[in-house]
C-alpha atoms as a PDB file:
ATOM      1  CA  MET A   1    -144.232 -17.308  40.036  1.00  0.00           C
ATOM      2  CA  ARG A   2    -145.140 -18.243  43.567  1.00  0.00           C
ATOM      3  CA  ARG A   3    -148.360 -16.919  45.134  1.00  0.00           C
ATOM      4  CA  VAL A   4    -147.961 -15.792  48.799  1.00  0.00           C
ATOM      5  CA  CYS A   5    -150.682 -14.957  51.239  1.00  0.00           C
ATOM      6  CA  PHE A   6    -150.173 -13.789  54.815  1.00  0.00           C
ATOM      7  CA  LEU A   7    -152.230 -12.468  57.726  1.00  0.00           C
ATOM      8  CA  LEU A   8    -151.545  -9.601  60.169  1.00  0.00           C
ATOM      9  CA  LYS A   9    -153.729  -7.784  62.659  1.00  0.00           C
ATOM     10  CA  VAL A  10    -154.119  -4.043  62.570  1.00  0.00           C
ATOM     11  CA  ARG A  11    -155.095  -2.289  65.814  1.00  0.00           C
ATOM     12  CA  ALA A  12    -158.770  -1.354  65.861  1.00  0.00           C
ATOM     13  CA  ASP A  13    -158.005   2.201  66.922  1.00  0.00           C
ATOM     14  CA  ARG A  14    -155.599   2.709  63.977  1.00  0.00           C
ATOM     15  CA  LEU A  15    -157.689   1.362  61.046  1.00  0.00           C
ATOM     16  CA  ALA A  16    -158.545   4.774  59.527  1.00  0.00           C
ATOM     17  CA  GLU A  17    -154.939   5.989  59.658  1.00  0.00           C
ATOM     18  CA  TYR A  18    -153.683   2.670  58.274  1.00  0.00           C
ATOM     19  CA  ARG A  19    -156.022   3.024  55.286  1.00  0.00           C
ATOM     20  CA  ALA A  20    -154.893   6.628  54.785  1.00  0.00           C
ATOM     21  CA  ARG A  21    -151.242   5.629  54.822  1.00  0.00           C
ATOM     22  CA  HIS A  22    -151.825   3.034  52.189  1.00  0.00           C
ATOM     23  CA  ALA A  23    -153.770   5.402  50.020  1.00  0.00           C
ATOM     24  CA  ALA A  24    -150.524   7.428  49.781  1.00  0.00           C
ATOM     25  CA  VAL A  25    -147.618   4.935  49.893  1.00  0.00           C
ATOM     26  CA  TRP A  26    -144.309   6.710  49.356  1.00  0.00           C
ATOM     27  CA  PRO A  27    -143.208   6.506  45.691  1.00  0.00           C
ATOM     28  CA  GLU A  28    -139.735   5.276  46.770  1.00  0.00           C
ATOM     29  CA  MET A  29    -141.402   2.459  48.725  1.00  0.00           C
ATOM     30  CA  LEU A  30    -143.411   1.404  45.628  1.00  0.00           C
ATOM     31  CA  ASP A  31    -140.200   1.503  43.555  1.00  0.00           C
ATOM     32  CA  ALA A  32    -138.354  -0.615  46.062  1.00  0.00           C
ATOM     33  CA  LEU A  33    -141.118  -3.247  46.180  1.00  0.00           C
ATOM     34  CA  LYS A  34    -141.068  -3.532  42.375  1.00  0.00           C
ATOM     35  CA  ALA A  35    -137.316  -3.613  42.191  1.00  0.00           C
ATOM     36  CA  THR A  36    -137.063  -6.420  44.777  1.00  0.00           C
ATOM     37  CA  GLY A  37    -139.523  -8.796  43.127  1.00  0.00           C
ATOM     38  CA  TRP A  38    -142.909  -7.997  44.755  1.00  0.00           C
ATOM     39  CA  HIS A  39    -145.547  -8.327  42.034  1.00  0.00           C
ATOM     40  CA  ASN A  40    -149.341  -8.155  41.996  1.00  0.00           C
ATOM     41  CA  TYR A  41    -149.180  -7.136  45.697  1.00  0.00           C
ATOM     42  CA  SER A  42    -152.458  -6.423  47.420  1.00  0.00           C
ATOM     43  CA  LEU A  43    -153.605  -5.811  51.012  1.00  0.00           C
ATOM     44  CA  PHE A  44    -157.155  -6.442  52.155  1.00  0.00           C
ATOM     45  CA  LEU A  45    -158.419  -5.079  55.478  1.00  0.00           C
ATOM     46  CA  ARG A  46    -161.467  -6.316  57.333  1.00  0.00           C
ATOM     47  CA  GLU A  47    -163.352  -4.006  59.731  1.00  0.00           C
ATOM     48  CA  ASP A  48    -162.034  -5.933  62.780  1.00  0.00           C
ATOM     49  CA  GLY A  49    -158.448  -5.250  61.717  1.00  0.00           C
ATOM     50  CA  LEU A  50    -157.652  -8.613  60.043  1.00  0.00           C
ATOM     51  CA  LEU A  51    -155.243  -7.790  57.226  1.00  0.00           C
ATOM     52  CA  VAL A  52    -154.771 -10.237  54.378  1.00  0.00           C
ATOM     53  CA  GLY A  53    -151.751  -9.719  52.129  1.00  0.00           C
ATOM     54  CA  TYR A  54    -151.238 -11.299  48.713  1.00  0.00           C
ATOM     55  CA  LEU A  55    -148.347 -11.095  46.348  1.00  0.00           C
ATOM     56  CA  GLU A  56    -146.605 -13.006  43.599  1.00  0.00           C
ATOM     57  CA  THR A  57    -142.851 -13.473  43.479  1.00  0.00           C
ATOM     58  CA  GLU A  58    -140.204 -15.854  42.159  1.00  0.00           C
ATOM     59  CA  ASP A  59    -138.667 -16.325  45.633  1.00  0.00           C
ATOM     60  CA  PHE A  60    -140.408 -14.926  48.703  1.00  0.00           C
ATOM     61  CA  ALA A  61    -137.387 -15.278  51.009  1.00  0.00           C
ATOM     62  CA  ALA A  62    -135.187 -13.509  48.499  1.00  0.00           C
ATOM     63  CA  ALA A  63    -137.822 -10.722  47.928  1.00  0.00           C
ATOM     64  CA  GLN A  64    -138.088 -10.245  51.733  1.00  0.00           C
ATOM     65  CA  ALA A  65    -134.322 -10.129  52.113  1.00  0.00           C
ATOM     66  CA  ALA A  66    -133.836  -7.653  49.281  1.00  0.00           C
ATOM     67  CA  MET A  67    -136.550  -5.385  50.666  1.00  0.00           C
ATOM     68  CA  ALA A  68    -135.126  -5.630  54.195  1.00  0.00           C
ATOM     69  CA  ALA A  69    -131.815  -4.319  52.824  1.00  0.00           C
ATOM     70  CA  THR A  70    -133.344  -1.067  51.603  1.00  0.00           C
ATOM     71  CA  GLU A  71    -133.285   2.149  53.619  1.00  0.00           C
ATOM     72  CA  VAL A  72    -136.883   3.033  52.641  1.00  0.00           C
ATOM     73  CA  ASN A  73    -138.157  -0.246  53.999  1.00  0.00           C
ATOM     74  CA  ALA A  74    -136.477   0.369  57.368  1.00  0.00           C
ATOM     75  CA  ARG A  75    -138.198   3.770  57.601  1.00  0.00           C
ATOM     76  CA  TRP A  76    -141.592   2.372  56.483  1.00  0.00           C
ATOM     77  CA  GLN A  77    -141.465  -0.547  58.923  1.00  0.00           C
ATOM     78  CA  ARG A  78    -140.589   1.756  61.801  1.00  0.00           C
ATOM     79  CA  GLU A  79    -143.558   3.983  60.971  1.00  0.00           C
ATOM     80  CA  MET A  80    -145.986   1.090  60.462  1.00  0.00           C
ATOM     81  CA  ALA A  81    -145.063  -1.074  63.466  1.00  0.00           C
ATOM     82  CA  PRO A  82    -147.356   0.811  65.933  1.00  0.00           C
ATOM     83  CA  PHE A  83    -150.375  -0.070  63.721  1.00  0.00           C
ATOM     84  CA  PHE A  84    -150.117  -3.803  64.380  1.00  0.00           C
ATOM     85  CA  GLU A  85    -151.035  -6.193  67.166  1.00  0.00           C
ATOM     86  CA  SER A  86    -148.879  -9.147  68.245  1.00  0.00           C
ATOM     87  CA  LEU A  87    -145.653  -8.524  66.456  1.00  0.00           C
ATOM     88  CA  ASP A  88    -143.572  -9.939  69.363  1.00  0.00           C
ATOM     89  CA  ASP A  89    -140.840  -7.285  68.807  1.00  0.00           C
ATOM     90  CA  ALA A  90    -140.587  -8.108  65.083  1.00  0.00           C
ATOM     91  CA  ARG A  91    -141.080  -5.597  62.293  1.00  0.00           C
ATOM     92  CA  PRO A  92    -144.364  -6.078  60.342  1.00  0.00           C
ATOM     93  CA  ASP A  93    -142.494  -7.364  57.340  1.00  0.00           C
ATOM     94  CA  GLU A  94    -140.754  -9.954  59.615  1.00  0.00           C
ATOM     95  CA  ALA A  95    -144.089 -11.086  61.008  1.00  0.00           C
ATOM     96  CA  MET A  96    -145.422 -12.108  57.579  1.00  0.00           C
ATOM     97  CA  ARG A  97    -145.837 -15.879  57.745  1.00  0.00           C
ATOM     98  CA  PRO A  98    -147.028 -17.345  54.394  1.00  0.00           C
ATOM     99  CA  LEU A  99    -150.147 -19.421  54.583  1.00  0.00           C
ATOM    100  CA  THR A 100    -150.142 -22.867  52.999  1.00  0.00           C
ATOM    101  CA  GLU A 101    -152.062 -22.908  49.729  1.00  0.00           C
ATOM    102  CA  VAL A 102    -154.523 -25.797  49.755  1.00  0.00           C
ATOM    103  CA  PHE A 103    -156.427 -24.989  46.545  1.00  0.00           C
ATOM    104  CA  HIS A 104    -156.038 -22.873  43.422  1.00  0.00           C
ATOM    105  CA  LEU A 105    -158.333 -22.569  40.339  1.00  0.00           C
ATOM    106  CA  ASP A 106    -156.513 -21.085  37.402  1.00  0.00           C
END
């Protein structure tokens, strides 16, 4: 299993709504994530909007591609895009750039 961590930036004026949306993620979105290889997936949000994502997967590129092929992901990404800063016309899921792991204690 590969551990993947990424950063995104949520707009300061949308933090409360972002939290609310993630307190009620669509069941079909949760099912799609599980079916496409996203495991132990967590999002952490700092008060200034820094979002840290963490997940475990066998193959991140394959998990991203499988998720991108689902209809529910297209709808979710369209709805979530306005919450983020600096996407450069990419969807939020396309803007996830894995960080390089430099240490791990098991």
